[in-house]
Amino acid sequence: MDDSKFTELRRLTGRHNKLVYEAVKAGEVAELSPEDQAWGRAMGEHMHLKHVHNALEFADLREGEVYEIEVNGHVVSPLAHVAMHAAVKGQVEADPPVRAAFEKLTATGASAHHAEHVLATLFAGLYFDLGQPALTDAGVEKARARYYQKIKKVTRDAVFRKKLLRQFPAGHVGFD
């Protein structure tokens, strides 16, 4: 896809983000589709962060321009962070092993938000694996199996769970 098509896709996504954001501000998230409800809940939980707020408040005005910030020497997208929370929320609602891992994390002291950070990190690993060029069907299945092996390990292995909680922060360093 050429850059103009990516720009158009980002422009349309910005419009969509702005519409969901307006529903969040108006308290109308329940009126959205289930996918947009998860997106809206994740937005609502991050509105206090200036970079997330700015990315959403001006999403339709960027006209397809990328919105990224630098955090600890890395270029990141505040909206990608919110999207990962939305993805985890959807998985917790629809995928029993992920729900079990989430419940175990929260039952052993993690906040729901911190648990989402941990699970989002595991999901990001799967997402990265699935994005590799020339991935075969067998490769997809191996990546999914590795992901679910880690998800199940969260529910069964206290040492692994504690390591993940320490490794991935609960907060949003650099986004505020």
Protein backbone atom coordinates (compact mmCIF):
# COMPACT_ATOMS: atom_id res chain seq x y z
CA MET A 1 0.00 0.00 0.00
CA ASP A 2 1.42 3.39 -0.87
CA ASP A 3 1.76 6.20 1.66
CA SER A 4 -1.33 8.06 0.42
CA LYS A 5 -3.48 5.00 1.17
CA PHE A 6 -1.97 4.73 4.66
CA THR A 7 -2.65 8.43 5.18
CA GLU A 8 -6.27 7.95 4.11
CA LEU A 9 -6.62 4.95 6.41
CA ARG A 10 -5.19 7.00 9.32
CA ARG A 11 -7.57 9.85 8.46
CA LEU A 12 -10.59 7.53 8.56
CA THR A 13 -9.34 5.90 11.75
CA GLY A 14 -8.94 9.36 13.27
CA ARG A 15 -12.56 10.14 12.44
CA HIS A 16 -13.68 6.89 14.01
CA ASN A 17 -11.56 7.55 17.11
CA LYS A 18 -13.09 11.00 17.42
CA LEU A 19 -16.64 9.59 17.20
CA VAL A 20 -15.94 7.01 19.91
CA TYR A 21 -14.22 9.68 22.00
CA GLU A 22 -17.29 11.92 21.73
CA ALA A 23 -19.47 9.01 22.88
CA VAL A 24 -17.15 8.52 25.85
CA LYS A 25 -17.35 12.20 26.79
CA ALA A 26 -21.16 12.14 26.45
CA GLY A 27 -21.49 8.99 28.57
CA GLU A 28 -22.94 7.05 25.64
CA VAL A 29 -20.48 4.14 25.42
CA ALA A 30 -23.31 1.63 25.93
CA GLU A 31 -24.79 2.79 22.60
CA LEU A 32 -21.69 1.64 20.69
CA SER A 33 -20.95 -1.77 19.13
CA PRO A 34 -19.30 -4.27 21.51
CA GLU A 35 -15.87 -3.66 19.92
CA ASP A 36 -16.27 0.09 20.22
CA GLN A 37 -17.47 -0.28 23.80
CA ALA A 38 -14.15 -1.93 24.72
CA TRP A 39 -12.31 0.82 22.81
CA GLY A 40 -14.42 3.47 24.58
CA ARG A 41 -13.83 1.99 28.04
CA ALA A 42 -10.09 1.89 27.37
CA MET A 43 -10.23 5.51 26.18
CA GLY A 44 -12.14 6.58 29.27
CA GLU A 45 -9.53 5.02 31.54
CA HIS A 46 -6.75 6.97 29.84
CA MET A 47 -8.31 10.40 29.24
CA HIS A 48 -6.40 11.86 32.18
CA LEU A 49 -3.14 11.36 30.29
CA LYS A 50 -2.37 14.47 28.26
CA HIS A 51 -0.94 12.65 25.24
CA VAL A 52 -3.91 10.30 25.04
CA HIS A 53 -6.31 13.21 25.50
CA ASN A 54 -4.56 15.22 22.78
CA ALA A 55 -4.46 12.27 20.38
CA LEU A 56 -8.22 11.82 20.80
CA GLU A 57 -9.33 15.43 21.07
CA PHE A 58 -7.60 16.31 17.81
CA ALA A 59 -7.86 12.93 16.04
CA ASP A 60 -10.04 14.29 13.25
CA LEU A 61 -7.87 17.38 12.75
CA ARG A 62 -4.60 15.52 12.15
CA GLU A 63 -5.88 14.55 8.67
CA GLY A 64 -3.99 11.27 8.63
CA GLU A 65 -0.79 12.47 10.26
CA VAL A 66 0.83 10.07 12.71
CA TYR A 67 0.65 11.01 16.39
CA GLU A 68 3.62 9.63 18.28
CA ILE A 69 5.64 10.78 21.26
CA GLU A 70 9.05 9.95 22.67
CA VAL A 71 9.11 8.05 25.96
CA ASN A 72 12.42 7.04 27.48
CA GLY A 73 14.15 7.23 24.12
CA HIS A 74 11.47 5.23 22.28
CA VAL A 75 8.91 6.58 19.83
CA VAL A 76 5.47 5.32 20.86
CA SER A 77 1.84 5.86 20.00
CA PRO A 78 -0.45 6.73 22.92
CA LEU A 79 -3.36 5.34 20.93
CA ALA A 80 -1.57 2.03 20.36
CA HIS A 81 -1.36 1.75 24.15
CA VAL A 82 -5.09 2.36 24.46
CA ALA A 83 -5.78 -0.09 21.62
CA MET A 84 -3.86 -2.81 23.48
CA HIS A 85 -6.03 -2.20 26.56
CA ALA A 86 -9.12 -2.50 24.36
CA ALA A 87 -7.84 -5.74 22.84
CA VAL A 88 -7.22 -7.23 26.28
CA LYS A 89 -10.67 -6.11 27.48
CA GLY A 90 -12.19 -7.92 24.51
CA GLN A 91 -10.16 -11.05 25.21
CA VAL A 92 -11.07 -11.03 28.91
CA GLU A 93 -14.74 -10.87 27.94
CA ALA A 94 -14.60 -13.54 25.21
CA ASP A 95 -11.67 -15.90 25.86
CA PRO A 96 -11.87 -18.09 28.99
CA PRO A 97 -8.10 -18.72 29.38
CA VAL A 98 -7.37 -14.98 29.15
CA ARG A 99 -10.22 -14.26 31.59
CA ALA A 100 -8.74 -16.83 34.01
CA ALA A 101 -5.30 -15.20 33.77
CA PHE A 102 -6.83 -11.75 34.35
CA GLU A 103 -8.79 -13.01 37.35
CA LYS A 104 -5.71 -14.68 38.81
CA LEU A 105 -3.67 -11.50 38.42
CA THR A 106 -6.32 -9.39 40.11
CA ALA A 107 -7.02 -11.99 42.81
CA THR A 108 -3.33 -11.99 43.75
CA GLY A 109 -3.06 -8.22 44.16
CA ALA A 110 -2.71 -6.60 40.76
CA SER A 111 -5.09 -3.81 39.84
CA ALA A 112 -7.26 -4.49 36.81
CA HIS A 113 -5.27 -1.89 34.91
CA HIS A 114 -1.92 -3.46 35.81
CA ALA A 115 -3.27 -6.90 34.88
CA GLU A 116 -4.22 -5.49 31.47
CA HIS A 117 -0.66 -4.18 31.03
CA VAL A 118 0.75 -7.64 31.72
CA LEU A 119 -1.71 -9.39 29.41
CA ALA A 120 -1.22 -6.73 26.72
CA THR A 121 2.49 -7.44 26.78
CA LEU A 122 1.86 -11.14 26.19
CA PHE A 123 -0.64 -10.31 23.43
CA ALA A 124 1.87 -7.92 21.82
CA GLY A 125 4.30 -10.85 21.57
CA LEU A 126 1.68 -12.90 19.73
CA TYR A 127 0.82 -9.94 17.50
CA PHE A 128 4.51 -9.48 16.64
CA ASP A 129 4.92 -13.18 15.89
CA LEU A 130 1.85 -13.18 13.63
CA GLY A 131 3.20 -10.19 11.71
CA GLN A 132 6.32 -11.97 10.54
CA PRO A 133 6.67 -12.26 6.76
CA ALA A 134 6.06 -15.63 5.14
CA LEU A 135 4.42 -17.06 8.25
CA THR A 136 2.98 -20.49 7.51
CA ASP A 137 -0.18 -21.98 8.97
CA ALA A 138 2.03 -24.11 11.18
CA GLY A 139 3.86 -20.97 12.32
CA VAL A 140 0.56 -19.32 13.21
CA GLU A 141 -0.43 -22.34 15.28
CA LYS A 142 2.96 -22.41 17.03
CA ALA A 143 2.68 -18.70 17.88
CA ARG A 144 -0.84 -19.16 19.25
CA ALA A 145 0.26 -22.20 21.26
CA ARG A 146 3.19 -20.23 22.78
CA TYR A 147 0.82 -17.39 23.66
CA TYR A 148 -1.72 -19.65 25.37
CA GLN A 149 1.07 -21.51 27.14
CA LYS A 150 2.14 -18.19 28.68
CA ILE A 151 -1.46 -17.25 29.47
CA LYS A 152 -1.95 -20.56 31.30
CA LYS A 153 1.38 -20.11 33.08
CA VAL A 154 0.08 -16.82 34.51
CA THR A 155 -2.75 -18.73 36.19
CA ARG A 156 -0.58 -21.58 37.51
CA ASP A 157 2.88 -20.21 38.28
CA ALA A 158 3.13 -17.62 41.06
CA VAL A 159 6.82 -16.94 40.37
CA PHE A 160 6.15 -16.27 36.67
CA ARG A 161 3.17 -14.07 37.55
CA LYS A 162 5.19 -12.00 40.04
CA LYS A 163 8.03 -11.63 37.53
CA LEU A 164 5.62 -10.27 34.90
CA LEU A 165 4.02 -7.87 37.38
CA ARG A 166 7.45 -6.48 38.33
CA GLN A 167 8.65 -6.37 34.74
CA PHE A 168 5.72 -4.43 33.30
CA PRO A 169 4.65 -1.27 35.10
CA ALA A 170 1.18 -0.48 36.32
CA GLY A 171 1.53 3.21 35.46
CA HIS A 172 2.03 5.24 32.32
CA VAL A 173 5.51 6.70 32.57
CA GLY A 174 5.95 9.38 29.92
CA PHE A 175 2.30 9.57 28.82
CA ASP A 176 1.26 12.17 31.37
